[in-house]
């Protein structure tokens, strides 16, 4: 197994238990997160501080309980790891938010430098409030 694939396997094993710290720790300071689709959350977030503050902060503030993300498939080639995952949590408004994701991670020196995310944007718009 490639080093990058093993790293992302380990990160998602922790996220499946609700531990997001290894994911956060793997983000490079200059990470770029490209959120594809047509949703109120769509956009490009540049830099770890922006990803944590402008994307993940507003999303996770809507969750009640522990968010888990379980990898269902990982495919690696060169600097890229593709992860198909299932996220599960309930929102503070009581709505289940069980979304399917496909992430394309590009890694450099065991750090995530780019994330391209695809998911069910209609579910996000239906269940999540607008970003603050």
N, C-alpha and C. Protein backbone atom coordinates (compact mmCIF):
# COMPACT_ATOMS: atom_id res chain seq x y z
N UNK A 1 0.85 -1.18 0.00
CA UNK A 1 0.00 0.00 0.00
C UNK A 1 0.90 1.24 0.00
N UNK A 2 0.53 2.23 -0.80
CA UNK A 2 1.33 3.45 -0.86
C UNK A 2 1.26 4.19 0.47
N UNK A 3 2.27 5.02 0.71
CA UNK A 3 2.32 5.81 1.94
C UNK A 3 1.12 6.73 2.04
N UNK A 4 0.76 7.39 0.92
CA UNK A 4 -0.39 8.30 0.93
C UNK A 4 -1.69 7.56 1.20
N UNK A 5 -1.85 6.39 0.58
CA UNK A 5 -3.07 5.62 0.80
C UNK A 5 -3.14 5.15 2.25
N UNK A 6 -2.03 4.73 2.81
CA UNK A 6 -2.01 4.29 4.21
C UNK A 6 -2.36 5.45 5.14
N UNK A 7 -1.80 6.62 4.85
CA UNK A 7 -2.10 7.79 5.67
C UNK A 7 -3.59 8.10 5.66
N UNK A 8 -4.20 8.13 4.48
CA UNK A 8 -5.62 8.45 4.40
C UNK A 8 -6.48 7.32 4.97
N UNK A 9 -6.03 6.08 4.86
CA UNK A 9 -6.74 4.97 5.51
C UNK A 9 -6.75 5.17 7.01
N UNK A 10 -5.61 5.55 7.57
CA UNK A 10 -5.51 5.79 9.01
C UNK A 10 -6.35 6.99 9.44
N UNK A 11 -6.33 8.06 8.66
CA UNK A 11 -7.11 9.26 8.98
C UNK A 11 -8.60 8.93 8.99
N UNK A 12 -9.07 8.22 7.97
CA UNK A 12 -10.50 7.89 7.91
C UNK A 12 -10.89 6.84 8.96
N UNK A 13 -9.97 5.99 9.37
CA UNK A 13 -10.27 5.06 10.47
C UNK A 13 -10.57 5.84 11.75
N UNK A 14 -9.84 6.91 11.96
CA UNK A 14 -10.10 7.76 13.13
C UNK A 14 -11.39 8.55 12.96
N UNK A 15 -11.65 9.07 11.77
CA UNK A 15 -12.88 9.82 11.55
C UNK A 15 -14.11 8.94 11.68
N UNK A 16 -13.98 7.66 11.37
CA UNK A 16 -15.10 6.73 11.54
C UNK A 16 -15.47 6.60 13.02
N UNK A 17 -14.52 6.93 13.90
CA UNK A 17 -14.76 6.90 15.34
C UNK A 17 -15.13 8.29 15.88
N UNK A 18 -15.21 9.27 14.99
CA UNK A 18 -15.56 10.63 15.41
C UNK A 18 -14.36 11.50 15.75
N UNK A 19 -13.15 11.02 15.52
CA UNK A 19 -11.94 11.77 15.83
C UNK A 19 -11.46 12.51 14.58
N UNK A 20 -11.69 13.81 14.52
CA UNK A 20 -11.31 14.61 13.35
C UNK A 20 -9.90 15.17 13.44
N UNK A 21 -9.24 15.05 14.60
CA UNK A 21 -7.92 15.65 14.80
C UNK A 21 -6.88 15.18 13.78
N UNK A 22 -6.78 13.89 13.47
CA UNK A 22 -5.78 13.48 12.47
C UNK A 22 -6.01 14.12 11.09
N UNK A 23 -7.26 14.30 10.72
CA UNK A 23 -7.55 14.97 9.44
C UNK A 23 -7.08 16.41 9.49
N UNK A 24 -7.47 17.11 10.53
CA UNK A 24 -7.07 18.51 10.69
C UNK A 24 -5.55 18.63 10.70
N UNK A 25 -4.88 17.72 11.38
CA UNK A 25 -3.42 17.76 11.48
C UNK A 25 -2.72 17.50 10.15
N UNK A 26 -3.39 16.81 9.23
CA UNK A 26 -2.80 16.50 7.91
C UNK A 26 -2.97 17.64 6.92
N UNK A 27 -3.78 18.62 7.23
CA UNK A 27 -3.98 19.73 6.29
C UNK A 27 -2.73 20.60 6.24
N UNK A 28 -2.23 20.83 5.03
CA UNK A 28 -1.12 21.75 4.85
C UNK A 28 -1.60 23.17 5.11
N UNK A 29 -0.69 24.03 5.52
CA UNK A 29 -1.07 25.42 5.77
C UNK A 29 -1.63 26.09 4.53
N UNK A 30 -1.16 25.65 3.34
CA UNK A 30 -1.60 26.26 2.09
C UNK A 30 -2.62 25.40 1.33
N UNK A 31 -3.34 24.54 2.06
CA UNK A 31 -4.32 23.65 1.45
C UNK A 31 -5.36 24.45 0.66
N UNK A 32 -5.84 23.86 -0.42
CA UNK A 32 -6.94 24.42 -1.21
C UNK A 32 -8.05 23.39 -1.23
N UNK A 33 -9.25 23.77 -0.79
CA UNK A 33 -10.41 22.88 -0.77
C UNK A 33 -11.39 23.39 -1.82
N UNK A 34 -11.61 22.59 -2.84
CA UNK A 34 -12.51 22.95 -3.94
C UNK A 34 -13.80 22.14 -3.74
N UNK A 35 -14.87 22.86 -3.46
CA UNK A 35 -16.16 22.25 -3.18
C UNK A 35 -17.00 22.40 -4.45
N UNK A 36 -17.17 21.31 -5.18
CA UNK A 36 -17.86 21.33 -6.48
C UNK A 36 -19.38 21.30 -6.30
N UNK A 37 -20.08 21.73 -7.35
CA UNK A 37 -21.53 21.61 -7.36
C UNK A 37 -22.22 22.96 -7.36
N UNK A 38 -23.52 22.89 -7.21
CA UNK A 38 -24.36 24.09 -7.18
C UNK A 38 -25.11 24.10 -5.86
N UNK A 39 -24.49 24.64 -4.86
CA UNK A 39 -25.06 24.69 -3.53
C UNK A 39 -24.59 25.96 -2.84
N UNK A 40 -25.25 26.31 -1.77
CA UNK A 40 -24.84 27.49 -1.00
C UNK A 40 -23.45 27.31 -0.38
N UNK A 41 -22.96 26.07 -0.34
CA UNK A 41 -21.64 25.78 0.22
C UNK A 41 -20.54 25.70 -0.84
N UNK A 42 -20.91 25.72 -2.11
CA UNK A 42 -19.94 25.60 -3.19
C UNK A 42 -18.93 26.74 -3.15
N UNK A 43 -17.68 26.39 -3.44
CA UNK A 43 -16.66 27.43 -3.50
C UNK A 43 -15.27 26.84 -3.35
N UNK A 44 -14.29 27.72 -3.34
CA UNK A 44 -12.91 27.34 -3.14
C UNK A 44 -12.41 28.04 -1.89
N UNK A 45 -11.83 27.26 -1.00
CA UNK A 45 -11.33 27.77 0.26
C UNK A 45 -9.82 27.60 0.25
N UNK A 46 -9.09 28.69 0.47
CA UNK A 46 -7.63 28.67 0.36
C UNK A 46 -6.99 28.90 1.72
N UNK A 47 -6.14 27.94 2.10
CA UNK A 47 -5.43 28.05 3.37
C UNK A 47 -6.14 27.30 4.47
N UNK A 48 -5.36 26.71 5.35
CA UNK A 48 -5.91 25.91 6.45
C UNK A 48 -6.82 26.76 7.35
N UNK A 49 -6.40 27.98 7.64
CA UNK A 49 -7.21 28.84 8.50
C UNK A 49 -8.59 29.09 7.90
N UNK A 50 -8.64 29.35 6.59
CA UNK A 50 -9.93 29.58 5.93
C UNK A 50 -10.77 28.31 5.89
N UNK A 51 -10.15 27.17 5.61
CA UNK A 51 -10.89 25.90 5.59
C UNK A 51 -11.54 25.65 6.94
N UNK A 52 -10.78 25.84 8.02
CA UNK A 52 -11.31 25.58 9.36
C UNK A 52 -12.36 26.62 9.76
N UNK A 53 -12.12 27.87 9.44
CA UNK A 53 -13.01 28.96 9.87
C UNK A 53 -14.24 29.11 8.97
N UNK A 54 -14.02 29.08 7.64
CA UNK A 54 -15.09 29.46 6.71
C UNK A 54 -15.90 28.28 6.16
N UNK A 55 -15.33 27.08 6.22
CA UNK A 55 -16.04 25.91 5.71
C UNK A 55 -16.42 24.96 6.84
N UNK A 56 -15.43 24.40 7.48
CA UNK A 56 -15.72 23.38 8.50
C UNK A 56 -16.38 23.96 9.74
N UNK A 57 -15.98 25.14 10.16
CA UNK A 57 -16.59 25.77 11.35
C UNK A 57 -18.09 25.93 11.21
N UNK A 58 -18.56 26.61 10.16
CA UNK A 58 -20.01 26.78 9.99
C UNK A 58 -20.77 25.47 9.80
N UNK A 59 -20.15 24.50 9.15
CA UNK A 59 -20.84 23.22 8.96
C UNK A 59 -20.96 22.48 10.29
N UNK A 60 -19.83 22.32 10.98
CA UNK A 60 -19.85 21.54 12.22
C UNK A 60 -20.62 22.22 13.33
N UNK A 61 -20.80 23.53 13.27
CA UNK A 61 -21.59 24.22 14.30
C UNK A 61 -23.07 23.84 14.20
N UNK A 62 -23.48 23.25 13.09
CA UNK A 62 -24.88 22.84 12.90
C UNK A 62 -25.14 21.41 13.37
N UNK A 63 -24.10 20.70 13.76
CA UNK A 63 -24.25 19.29 14.12
C UNK A 63 -24.49 19.12 15.61
N UNK A 64 -25.36 18.18 15.94
CA UNK A 64 -25.63 17.81 17.32
C UNK A 64 -25.11 16.39 17.50
N UNK A 65 -24.07 16.24 18.24
CA UNK A 65 -23.49 14.92 18.41
C UNK A 65 -22.20 14.80 17.61
N UNK A 66 -21.72 13.59 17.53
CA UNK A 66 -20.43 13.31 16.91
C UNK A 66 -20.61 12.98 15.44
N UNK A 67 -19.90 13.71 14.60
CA UNK A 67 -19.90 13.44 13.17
C UNK A 67 -18.90 12.33 12.88
N UNK A 68 -19.34 11.36 12.10
CA UNK A 68 -18.43 10.30 11.66
C UNK A 68 -18.37 10.29 10.14
N UNK A 69 -17.22 9.91 9.63
CA UNK A 69 -17.03 9.78 8.19
C UNK A 69 -16.28 8.47 7.96
N UNK A 70 -16.94 7.54 7.30
CA UNK A 70 -16.40 6.21 7.10
C UNK A 70 -16.02 6.01 5.64
N UNK A 71 -14.76 5.66 5.40
CA UNK A 71 -14.29 5.39 4.05
C UNK A 71 -14.84 4.06 3.58
N UNK A 72 -15.40 4.06 2.39
CA UNK A 72 -15.92 2.83 1.80
C UNK A 72 -15.00 2.30 0.72
N UNK A 73 -14.19 3.20 0.14
CA UNK A 73 -13.26 2.79 -0.91
C UNK A 73 -12.15 3.83 -0.99
N UNK A 74 -10.93 3.37 -1.13
CA UNK A 74 -9.78 4.26 -1.32
C UNK A 74 -9.00 3.77 -2.53
N UNK A 75 -8.65 4.70 -3.41
CA UNK A 75 -7.87 4.39 -4.61
C UNK A 75 -6.72 5.39 -4.65
N UNK A 76 -5.50 4.91 -4.82
CA UNK A 76 -4.34 5.80 -4.81
C UNK A 76 -3.53 5.66 -6.09
N UNK A 77 -3.02 6.79 -6.56
CA UNK A 77 -2.10 6.83 -7.70
C UNK A 77 -1.25 8.08 -7.54
N UNK A 78 0.06 7.88 -7.54
CA UNK A 78 1.01 8.97 -7.42
C UNK A 78 0.71 9.81 -6.18
N UNK A 79 0.46 11.12 -6.35
CA UNK A 79 0.21 12.01 -5.20
C UNK A 79 -1.26 12.08 -4.80
N UNK A 80 -2.11 11.29 -5.45
CA UNK A 80 -3.55 11.39 -5.25
C UNK A 80 -4.12 10.18 -4.53
N UNK A 81 -5.10 10.45 -3.66
CA UNK A 81 -5.89 9.40 -3.04
C UNK A 81 -7.34 9.81 -3.19
N UNK A 82 -8.14 8.93 -3.78
CA UNK A 82 -9.58 9.16 -3.93
C UNK A 82 -10.27 8.35 -2.85
N UNK A 83 -11.16 9.01 -2.12
CA UNK A 83 -11.87 8.36 -1.02
C UNK A 83 -13.37 8.53 -1.23
N UNK A 84 -14.07 7.41 -1.30
CA UNK A 84 -15.52 7.41 -1.27
C UNK A 84 -15.91 7.18 0.17
N UNK A 85 -16.75 8.06 0.73
CA UNK A 85 -17.04 8.00 2.16
C UNK A 85 -18.50 8.26 2.44
N UNK A 86 -18.92 7.84 3.62
CA UNK A 86 -20.28 8.06 4.12
C UNK A 86 -20.16 8.85 5.42
N UNK A 87 -20.79 10.04 5.46
CA UNK A 87 -20.82 10.84 6.68
C UNK A 87 -22.15 10.69 7.37
N UNK A 88 -22.13 10.69 8.69
CA UNK A 88 -23.36 10.52 9.47
C UNK A 88 -23.35 11.43 10.70
N UNK A 89 -24.46 12.14 10.87
CA UNK A 89 -24.66 12.98 12.04
C UNK A 89 -26.11 13.45 12.02
N UNK A 90 -26.57 14.00 13.13
CA UNK A 90 -27.88 14.64 13.21
C UNK A 90 -27.63 16.13 13.43
N UNK A 91 -28.40 16.97 12.78
CA UNK A 91 -28.23 18.41 12.95
C UNK A 91 -28.90 18.87 14.25
N UNK A 92 -28.57 20.07 14.67
CA UNK A 92 -29.18 20.65 15.87
C UNK A 92 -30.70 20.79 15.72
N UNK A 93 -31.16 20.87 14.46
CA UNK A 93 -32.61 20.97 14.22
C UNK A 93 -33.27 19.59 14.19
N UNK A 94 -32.50 18.53 14.42
CA UNK A 94 -33.05 17.19 14.49
C UNK A 94 -33.10 16.44 13.17
N UNK A 95 -32.55 17.02 12.12
CA UNK A 95 -32.57 16.38 10.80
C UNK A 95 -31.37 15.45 10.66
N UNK A 96 -31.58 14.25 10.13
CA UNK A 96 -30.43 13.39 9.85
C UNK A 96 -29.65 13.94 8.66
N UNK A 97 -28.35 13.94 8.78
CA UNK A 97 -27.49 14.37 7.69
C UNK A 97 -26.51 13.24 7.40
N UNK A 98 -26.93 12.37 6.49
CA UNK A 98 -26.15 11.19 6.11
C UNK A 98 -25.80 11.36 4.64
N UNK A 99 -24.65 11.92 4.38
CA UNK A 99 -24.28 12.26 3.02
C UNK A 99 -23.19 11.32 2.51
N UNK A 100 -23.18 11.12 1.21
CA UNK A 100 -22.15 10.35 0.51
C UNK A 100 -21.19 11.35 -0.13
N UNK A 101 -19.90 11.04 -0.05
CA UNK A 101 -18.87 11.93 -0.56
C UNK A 101 -17.91 11.20 -1.46
N UNK A 102 -17.33 11.94 -2.37
CA UNK A 102 -16.15 11.49 -3.10
C UNK A 102 -15.14 12.63 -2.99
N UNK A 103 -14.02 12.33 -2.34
CA UNK A 103 -12.95 13.30 -2.17
C UNK A 103 -11.76 12.88 -3.03
N UNK A 104 -11.16 13.86 -3.66
CA UNK A 104 -9.89 13.63 -4.35
C UNK A 104 -8.86 14.45 -3.58
N UNK A 105 -7.98 13.73 -2.90
CA UNK A 105 -6.93 14.37 -2.11
C UNK A 105 -5.62 14.36 -2.89
N UNK A 106 -4.93 15.48 -2.91
CA UNK A 106 -3.55 15.52 -3.42
C UNK A 106 -2.66 15.79 -2.22
N UNK A 107 -1.65 14.95 -2.07
CA UNK A 107 -0.77 15.03 -0.91
C UNK A 107 0.66 15.36 -1.33
N UNK A 108 1.35 16.03 -0.42
CA UNK A 108 2.77 16.34 -0.58
C UNK A 108 3.41 16.26 0.80
N UNK A 109 4.44 15.43 0.93
CA UNK A 109 5.15 15.29 2.21
C UNK A 109 4.19 14.94 3.36
N UNK A 110 3.29 14.02 3.10
CA UNK A 110 2.31 13.54 4.10
C UNK A 110 1.35 14.62 4.58
N UNK A 111 1.15 15.63 3.76
CA UNK A 111 0.19 16.68 4.06
C UNK A 111 -0.78 16.82 2.89
N UNK A 112 -2.04 17.11 3.22
CA UNK A 112 -3.06 17.33 2.20
C UNK A 112 -2.90 18.76 1.69
N UNK A 113 -2.62 18.88 0.38
CA UNK A 113 -2.43 20.21 -0.20
C UNK A 113 -3.62 20.63 -1.06
N UNK A 114 -4.44 19.65 -1.46
CA UNK A 114 -5.62 19.98 -2.26
C UNK A 114 -6.71 18.93 -2.03
N UNK A 115 -7.93 19.41 -1.90
CA UNK A 115 -9.10 18.54 -1.77
C UNK A 115 -10.13 19.00 -2.79
N UNK A 116 -10.59 18.07 -3.59
CA UNK A 116 -11.74 18.33 -4.45
C UNK A 116 -12.86 17.45 -3.93
N UNK A 117 -13.98 18.06 -3.59
CA UNK A 117 -15.08 17.34 -2.95
C UNK A 117 -16.32 17.33 -3.83
N UNK A 118 -16.91 16.14 -3.95
CA UNK A 118 -18.20 15.94 -4.61
C UNK A 118 -19.11 15.28 -3.59
N UNK A 119 -20.38 15.71 -3.56
CA UNK A 119 -21.34 15.12 -2.62
C UNK A 119 -22.75 15.42 -3.07
N UNK A 120 -23.71 14.95 -2.31
CA UNK A 120 -25.12 15.20 -2.60
C UNK A 120 -25.44 16.63 -2.17
N UNK A 121 -25.31 17.56 -3.10
CA UNK A 121 -25.53 18.96 -2.78
C UNK A 121 -26.99 19.28 -2.47
N UNK A 122 -27.92 18.54 -3.05
CA UNK A 122 -29.34 18.76 -2.76
C UNK A 122 -29.62 18.44 -1.30
N UNK A 123 -29.01 17.39 -0.78
CA UNK A 123 -29.19 17.06 0.65
C UNK A 123 -28.62 18.17 1.52
N UNK A 124 -27.44 18.65 1.19
CA UNK A 124 -26.84 19.73 1.97
C UNK A 124 -27.73 20.96 1.99
N UNK A 125 -28.26 21.33 0.83
CA UNK A 125 -29.14 22.50 0.78
C UNK A 125 -30.44 22.27 1.55
N UNK A 126 -30.94 21.05 1.56
CA UNK A 126 -32.19 20.75 2.26
C UNK A 126 -32.02 20.72 3.77
N UNK A 127 -30.86 20.27 4.24
CA UNK A 127 -30.69 20.02 5.67
C UNK A 127 -29.87 21.09 6.38
N UNK A 128 -28.88 21.64 5.72
CA UNK A 128 -27.98 22.60 6.36
C UNK A 128 -28.45 24.03 6.14
N UNK A 129 -28.26 24.86 7.15
CA UNK A 129 -28.54 26.28 7.02
C UNK A 129 -27.47 26.93 6.16
N UNK A 130 -27.75 28.13 5.71
CA UNK A 130 -26.77 28.87 4.91
C UNK A 130 -25.50 29.08 5.70
N UNK A 131 -24.35 29.14 5.01
CA UNK A 131 -23.10 29.47 5.70
C UNK A 131 -23.20 30.85 6.33
N UNK A 132 -22.60 31.00 7.49
CA UNK A 132 -22.66 32.30 8.20
C UNK A 132 -21.71 33.28 7.56
